[in-house]
Amino acid sequence: MGLLHTGGHIEMRYHQVNNQGELMIGIYYSKPELLKNGKLRLHENR
């Protein structure tokens, strides 16, 4: 799930299971950048 904030910043929640079978959850923040070739680059911060 993610939220788009003013200024284009994205706040996302995630969950995953690691190799030991442990559930890991977290939040990270990203700022998208549109590149000249049309691709999108995400600058992520945790």
C-alpha atoms as a PDB file:
ATOM      1  CA  MET A   1       0.000   0.000   0.000  1.00  0.00           C
ATOM      2  CA  GLY A   2       1.284   3.473  -0.718  1.00  0.00           C
ATOM      3  CA  LEU A   3       0.397   7.127  -0.282  1.00  0.00           C
ATOM      4  CA  LEU A   4       1.332  10.002  -2.574  1.00  0.00           C
ATOM      5  CA  HIS A   5       2.220  13.147  -0.628  1.00  0.00           C
ATOM      6  CA  THR A   6       2.446  16.761  -1.724  1.00  0.00           C
ATOM      7  CA  GLY A   7       5.574  17.310  -3.785  1.00  0.00           C
ATOM      8  CA  GLY A   8       5.422  13.812  -5.279  1.00  0.00           C
ATOM      9  CA  HIS A   9       6.920  11.852  -2.370  1.00  0.00           C
ATOM     10  CA  ILE A  10       5.621   8.280  -1.976  1.00  0.00           C
ATOM     11  CA  GLU A  11       5.213   6.567   1.403  1.00  0.00           C
ATOM     12  CA  MET A  12       4.886   2.772   1.179  1.00  0.00           C
ATOM     13  CA  ARG A  13       4.289  -0.115   3.593  1.00  0.00           C
ATOM     14  CA  TYR A  14       5.671  -3.576   2.945  1.00  0.00           C
ATOM     15  CA  HIS A  15       5.775  -7.055   4.417  1.00  0.00           C
ATOM     16  CA  GLN A  16       7.862 -10.056   3.468  1.00  0.00           C
ATOM     17  CA  VAL A  17       8.951 -13.431   4.781  1.00  0.00           C
ATOM     18  CA  ASN A  18      12.720 -14.015   4.970  1.00  0.00           C
ATOM     19  CA  ASN A  19      14.604 -17.303   4.411  1.00  0.00           C
ATOM     20  CA  GLN A  20      14.162 -18.212   8.088  1.00  0.00           C
ATOM     21  CA  GLY A  21      10.368 -17.921   7.783  1.00  0.00           C
ATOM     22  CA  GLU A  22      10.220 -14.705   9.838  1.00  0.00           C
ATOM     23  CA  LEU A  23       7.713 -12.011   8.921  1.00  0.00           C
ATOM     24  CA  MET A  24       9.354  -8.618   8.352  1.00  0.00           C
ATOM     25  CA  ILE A  25       7.389  -5.374   8.004  1.00  0.00           C
ATOM     26  CA  GLY A  26       8.410  -1.798   7.385  1.00  0.00           C
ATOM     27  CA  ILE A  27       7.868   1.603   5.843  1.00  0.00           C
ATOM     28  CA  TYR A  28       9.947   3.347   3.224  1.00  0.00           C
ATOM     29  CA  TYR A  29       9.805   6.667   1.469  1.00  0.00           C
ATOM     30  CA  SER A  30      10.593   7.328  -2.165  1.00  0.00           C
ATOM     31  CA  LYS A  31      10.878  10.333  -4.442  1.00  0.00           C
ATOM     32  CA  PRO A  32      10.280   9.513  -8.118  1.00  0.00           C
ATOM     33  CA  GLU A  33      12.433  11.106 -10.818  1.00  0.00           C
ATOM     34  CA  LEU A  34      11.465  11.014 -14.493  1.00  0.00           C
ATOM     35  CA  LEU A  35      14.601  10.407 -16.590  1.00  0.00           C
ATOM     36  CA  LYS A  36      15.217  11.820 -20.070  1.00  0.00           C
ATOM     37  CA  ASN A  37      14.742   8.343 -21.600  1.00  0.00           C
ATOM     38  CA  GLY A  38      11.197   8.133 -20.135  1.00  0.00           C
ATOM     39  CA  LYS A  39      12.111   5.702 -17.348  1.00  0.00           C
ATOM     40  CA  LEU A  40      11.259   6.341 -13.720  1.00  0.00           C
ATOM     41  CA  ARG A  41      13.944   6.236 -10.993  1.00  0.00           C
ATOM     42  CA  LEU A  42      12.902   5.905  -7.341  1.00  0.00           C
ATOM     43  CA  HIS A  43      15.151   7.448  -4.683  1.00  0.00           C
ATOM     44  CA  GLU A  44      14.352   5.376  -1.586  1.00  0.00           C
ATOM     45  CA  ASN A  45      14.843   6.150   2.095  1.00  0.00           C
ATOM     46  CA  ARG A  46      13.974   3.767   4.922  1.00  0.00           C
END
